[in-house]
Amino acid sequence: MNGDTTVQLLWFAGAFTLVLSSLLARRLPMSDWLKMALAWIAIFALVFLVIRTWQLVA
């Protein structure tokens, strides 16, 4: 792994941790928590794919 990939992986892990902790702090029912967690995963995956595609094109 080169330095850029490591930084990107750390950023993603930190962002995911922030989202996960905010969901846990709300003390919602598990079904609502799961729906929101999946929505956040989809959002981060979409942003990651857009950035990755932009890097490959540029």
N, C-alpha and C. Protein backbone atom coordinates (compact mmCIF):
# COMPACT_ATOMS: atom_id res chain seq x y z
N MET A 1 0.84 -1.18 0.00
CA MET A 1 0.00 0.00 0.00
C MET A 1 0.88 1.24 0.00
N ASN A 2 0.54 2.15 -0.86
CA ASN A 2 1.31 3.39 -0.85
C ASN A 2 0.69 4.36 0.15
N GLY A 3 1.32 5.50 0.35
CA GLY A 3 0.88 6.47 1.35
C GLY A 3 -0.50 7.03 1.09
N ASP A 4 -0.83 7.30 -0.18
CA ASP A 4 -2.14 7.87 -0.50
C ASP A 4 -3.27 6.90 -0.15
N THR A 5 -3.07 5.65 -0.47
CA THR A 5 -4.10 4.64 -0.18
C THR A 5 -4.30 4.50 1.32
N THR A 6 -3.21 4.54 2.06
CA THR A 6 -3.31 4.44 3.52
C THR A 6 -4.08 5.61 4.10
N VAL A 7 -3.81 6.81 3.62
CA VAL A 7 -4.52 8.00 4.10
C VAL A 7 -6.00 7.90 3.74
N GLN A 8 -6.32 7.47 2.54
CA GLN A 8 -7.72 7.34 2.14
C GLN A 8 -8.44 6.30 3.00
N LEU A 9 -7.77 5.20 3.29
CA LEU A 9 -8.36 4.15 4.11
C LEU A 9 -8.59 4.65 5.54
N LEU A 10 -7.64 5.40 6.08
CA LEU A 10 -7.81 5.96 7.42
C LEU A 10 -8.94 6.99 7.45
N TRP A 11 -9.06 7.81 6.40
CA TRP A 11 -10.14 8.78 6.33
C TRP A 11 -11.49 8.08 6.30
N PHE A 12 -11.60 7.05 5.48
CA PHE A 12 -12.86 6.31 5.38
C PHE A 12 -13.21 5.65 6.70
N ALA A 13 -12.24 5.05 7.36
CA ALA A 13 -12.48 4.40 8.66
C ALA A 13 -12.93 5.43 9.69
N GLY A 14 -12.29 6.61 9.71
CA GLY A 14 -12.68 7.66 10.65
C GLY A 14 -14.07 8.18 10.38
N ALA A 15 -14.40 8.40 9.13
CA ALA A 15 -15.73 8.89 8.77
C ALA A 15 -16.79 7.85 9.14
N PHE A 16 -16.51 6.60 8.88
CA PHE A 16 -17.45 5.53 9.20
C PHE A 16 -17.64 5.43 10.71
N THR A 17 -16.57 5.60 11.46
CA THR A 17 -16.66 5.56 12.92
C THR A 17 -17.53 6.69 13.45
N LEU A 18 -17.39 7.88 12.88
CA LEU A 18 -18.23 9.00 13.31
C LEU A 18 -19.71 8.73 13.04
N VAL A 19 -20.01 8.21 11.88
CA VAL A 19 -21.41 7.90 11.54
C VAL A 19 -21.95 6.80 12.46
N LEU A 20 -21.17 5.77 12.67
CA LEU A 20 -21.60 4.67 13.53
C LEU A 20 -21.84 5.14 14.95
N SER A 21 -20.96 5.97 15.48
CA SER A 21 -21.13 6.45 16.84
C SER A 21 -22.36 7.35 16.97
N SER A 22 -22.65 8.14 15.93
CA SER A 22 -23.85 8.99 15.99
C SER A 22 -25.12 8.15 15.98
N LEU A 23 -25.11 7.05 15.23
CA LEU A 23 -26.28 6.17 15.22
C LEU A 23 -26.46 5.48 16.57
N LEU A 24 -25.36 5.06 17.17
CA LEU A 24 -25.46 4.38 18.46
C LEU A 24 -25.91 5.34 19.56
N ALA A 25 -25.52 6.60 19.48
CA ALA A 25 -25.88 7.58 20.51
C ALA A 25 -27.37 7.91 20.51
N ARG A 26 -28.05 7.69 19.40
CA ARG A 26 -29.48 8.03 19.32
C ARG A 26 -30.37 7.00 19.99
N ARG A 27 -29.86 5.81 20.26
CA ARG A 27 -30.61 4.73 20.93
C ARG A 27 -31.94 4.42 20.23
N LEU A 28 -31.85 4.19 18.93
CA LEU A 28 -33.04 3.87 18.15
C LEU A 28 -33.29 2.36 18.14
N PRO A 29 -34.50 1.96 17.75
CA PRO A 29 -34.75 0.53 17.57
C PRO A 29 -33.81 -0.05 16.50
N MET A 30 -33.49 -1.32 16.63
CA MET A 30 -32.50 -1.95 15.76
C MET A 30 -32.89 -1.85 14.28
N SER A 31 -34.16 -1.97 13.95
CA SER A 31 -34.55 -1.91 12.54
C SER A 31 -34.26 -0.53 11.95
N ASP A 32 -34.55 0.53 12.70
CA ASP A 32 -34.25 1.89 12.23
C ASP A 32 -32.75 2.10 12.12
N TRP A 33 -32.02 1.60 13.09
CA TRP A 33 -30.56 1.72 13.11
C TRP A 33 -29.97 1.04 11.89
N LEU A 34 -30.47 -0.13 11.58
CA LEU A 34 -29.95 -0.89 10.44
C LEU A 34 -30.24 -0.17 9.13
N LYS A 35 -31.44 0.39 8.98
CA LYS A 35 -31.78 1.13 7.76
C LYS A 35 -30.87 2.33 7.58
N MET A 36 -30.64 3.07 8.66
CA MET A 36 -29.78 4.25 8.56
C MET A 36 -28.33 3.86 8.30
N ALA A 37 -27.87 2.80 8.92
CA ALA A 37 -26.50 2.34 8.71
C ALA A 37 -26.31 1.94 7.24
N LEU A 38 -27.26 1.24 6.68
CA LEU A 38 -27.16 0.85 5.27
C LEU A 38 -27.21 2.06 4.35
N ALA A 39 -28.01 3.04 4.71
CA ALA A 39 -28.06 4.27 3.91
C ALA A 39 -26.72 4.99 3.95
N TRP A 40 -26.09 5.08 5.12
CA TRP A 40 -24.79 5.73 5.23
C TRP A 40 -23.71 4.96 4.47
N ILE A 41 -23.77 3.65 4.54
CA ILE A 41 -22.80 2.84 3.79
C ILE A 41 -22.96 3.09 2.30
N ALA A 42 -24.20 3.18 1.83
CA ALA A 42 -24.45 3.45 0.42
C ALA A 42 -23.93 4.84 0.03
N ILE A 43 -24.13 5.83 0.89
CA ILE A 43 -23.66 7.18 0.60
C ILE A 43 -22.14 7.20 0.50
N PHE A 44 -21.46 6.62 1.47
CA PHE A 44 -20.00 6.60 1.44
C PHE A 44 -19.46 5.80 0.27
N ALA A 45 -20.13 4.70 -0.08
CA ALA A 45 -19.69 3.90 -1.23
C ALA A 45 -19.85 4.70 -2.52
N LEU A 46 -20.94 5.43 -2.64
CA LEU A 46 -21.16 6.24 -3.83
C LEU A 46 -20.11 7.35 -3.94
N VAL A 47 -19.84 8.03 -2.85
CA VAL A 47 -18.82 9.08 -2.87
C VAL A 47 -17.45 8.48 -3.21
N PHE A 48 -17.15 7.33 -2.63
CA PHE A 48 -15.88 6.67 -2.93
C PHE A 48 -15.77 6.32 -4.41
N LEU A 49 -16.85 5.78 -4.98
CA LEU A 49 -16.83 5.41 -6.40
C LEU A 49 -16.69 6.63 -7.30
N VAL A 50 -17.35 7.73 -6.95
CA VAL A 50 -17.24 8.95 -7.74
C VAL A 50 -15.81 9.48 -7.71
N ILE A 51 -15.22 9.53 -6.53
CA ILE A 51 -13.85 10.02 -6.41
C ILE A 51 -12.89 9.10 -7.12
N ARG A 52 -13.07 7.81 -6.98
CA ARG A 52 -12.18 6.83 -7.62
C ARG A 52 -12.29 6.93 -9.15
N THR A 53 -13.50 7.06 -9.67
CA THR A 53 -13.69 7.19 -11.11
C THR A 53 -13.06 8.47 -11.62
N TRP A 54 -13.23 9.57 -10.88
CA TRP A 54 -12.64 10.84 -11.26
C TRP A 54 -11.12 10.74 -11.30
N GLN A 55 -10.52 10.03 -10.34
CA GLN A 55 -9.08 9.86 -10.32
C GLN A 55 -8.59 9.04 -11.51
N LEU A 56 -9.33 8.03 -11.89
CA LEU A 56 -8.93 7.19 -13.01
C LEU A 56 -9.05 7.93 -14.34
N VAL A 57 -10.04 8.81 -14.47
CA VAL A 57 -10.25 9.56 -15.70
C VAL A 57 -9.22 10.68 -15.84
N ALA A 58 -8.91 11.33 -14.74
CA ALA A 58 -8.00 12.49 -14.78
C ALA A 58 -6.56 12.10 -15.05
